[in-house]
């Protein structure tokens, strides 16, 4: 059973661990929260990554999220 509370990923080692764990999953869900009000370009400020057993929120301004796509491919 999954934890009902998402993990907050706020360190690089925790982010690396998350990517390794999610890389083994057959199915992932990604949700983003962006701010575009009074901006010319949208900016993503929060990313939620979920598998069937784990959910985590990641600050994309701190971590390179390109690594998620590279490892999930």
Protein backbone atom coordinates (compact mmCIF):
# COMPACT_ATOMS: atom_id res chain seq x y z
CA UNK A 1 0.00 0.00 0.00
CA UNK A 2 1.27 3.47 -0.82
CA UNK A 3 1.86 6.28 1.64
CA UNK A 4 -1.05 8.76 1.40
CA UNK A 5 1.33 11.68 1.95
CA UNK A 6 3.67 12.63 -0.89
CA UNK A 7 7.38 12.82 -0.13
CA UNK A 8 8.94 16.25 -0.52
CA UNK A 9 12.17 15.85 -2.46
CA UNK A 10 14.43 18.67 -1.33
CA UNK A 11 17.95 17.29 -1.63
CA UNK A 12 19.93 16.04 -4.59
CA UNK A 13 20.55 12.59 -3.03
CA UNK A 14 16.81 12.19 -2.39
CA UNK A 15 16.12 13.20 -6.00
CA UNK A 16 18.64 10.65 -7.32
CA UNK A 17 17.07 7.93 -5.16
CA UNK A 18 13.60 8.87 -6.41
CA UNK A 19 14.74 8.66 -10.04
CA UNK A 20 16.30 5.26 -9.46
CA UNK A 21 13.15 3.92 -7.78
CA UNK A 22 10.77 5.36 -10.36
CA UNK A 23 12.98 4.10 -13.18
CA UNK A 24 11.96 0.55 -12.23
CA UNK A 25 8.24 1.30 -12.45
CA UNK A 26 6.20 0.26 -15.51
CA UNK A 27 3.80 3.20 -15.16
CA UNK A 28 4.33 6.80 -14.04
CA UNK A 29 2.07 9.80 -13.69
CA UNK A 30 3.33 13.38 -13.88
CA UNK A 31 1.45 16.48 -12.78
CA UNK A 32 2.79 20.03 -12.98
CA UNK A 33 1.79 23.32 -11.43
CA UNK A 34 2.76 26.42 -13.37
CA UNK A 35 2.47 30.16 -12.98
CA UNK A 36 1.62 32.26 -15.99
CA UNK A 37 -0.41 35.08 -14.46
CA UNK A 38 1.27 38.41 -15.39
CA UNK A 39 4.08 36.52 -17.15
CA UNK A 40 4.99 36.28 -20.81
CA UNK A 41 6.17 32.68 -20.41
CA UNK A 42 4.81 29.93 -18.20
CA UNK A 43 7.13 28.67 -15.50
CA UNK A 44 6.71 25.34 -13.77
CA UNK A 45 7.01 25.65 -10.00
CA UNK A 46 6.06 22.18 -8.79
CA UNK A 47 6.17 18.68 -10.26
CA UNK A 48 4.41 15.70 -8.76
CA UNK A 49 5.68 12.26 -9.79
CA UNK A 50 3.66 9.16 -8.94
CA UNK A 51 3.91 5.42 -9.39
CA UNK A 52 1.38 2.92 -8.12
CA UNK A 53 3.15 2.86 -4.76
CA UNK A 54 4.88 6.22 -4.33
CA UNK A 55 4.17 9.91 -4.81
CA UNK A 56 6.70 12.71 -4.53
CA UNK A 57 6.74 16.45 -5.13
CA UNK A 58 9.83 18.03 -6.64
CA UNK A 59 10.91 21.66 -6.97
CA UNK A 60 11.97 22.01 -10.64
CA UNK A 61 13.87 25.20 -9.85
CA UNK A 62 16.27 23.15 -7.70
CA UNK A 63 16.55 19.84 -9.60
CA UNK A 64 17.23 19.06 -13.28
CA UNK A 65 13.98 17.50 -14.38
CA UNK A 66 15.40 16.46 -17.72
CA UNK A 67 16.84 13.53 -15.79
CA UNK A 68 13.28 12.24 -15.25
CA UNK A 69 12.62 11.91 -18.97
CA UNK A 70 16.03 10.43 -19.67
CA UNK A 71 15.57 7.71 -17.07
CA UNK A 72 11.91 7.02 -17.80
CA UNK A 73 12.46 6.51 -21.53
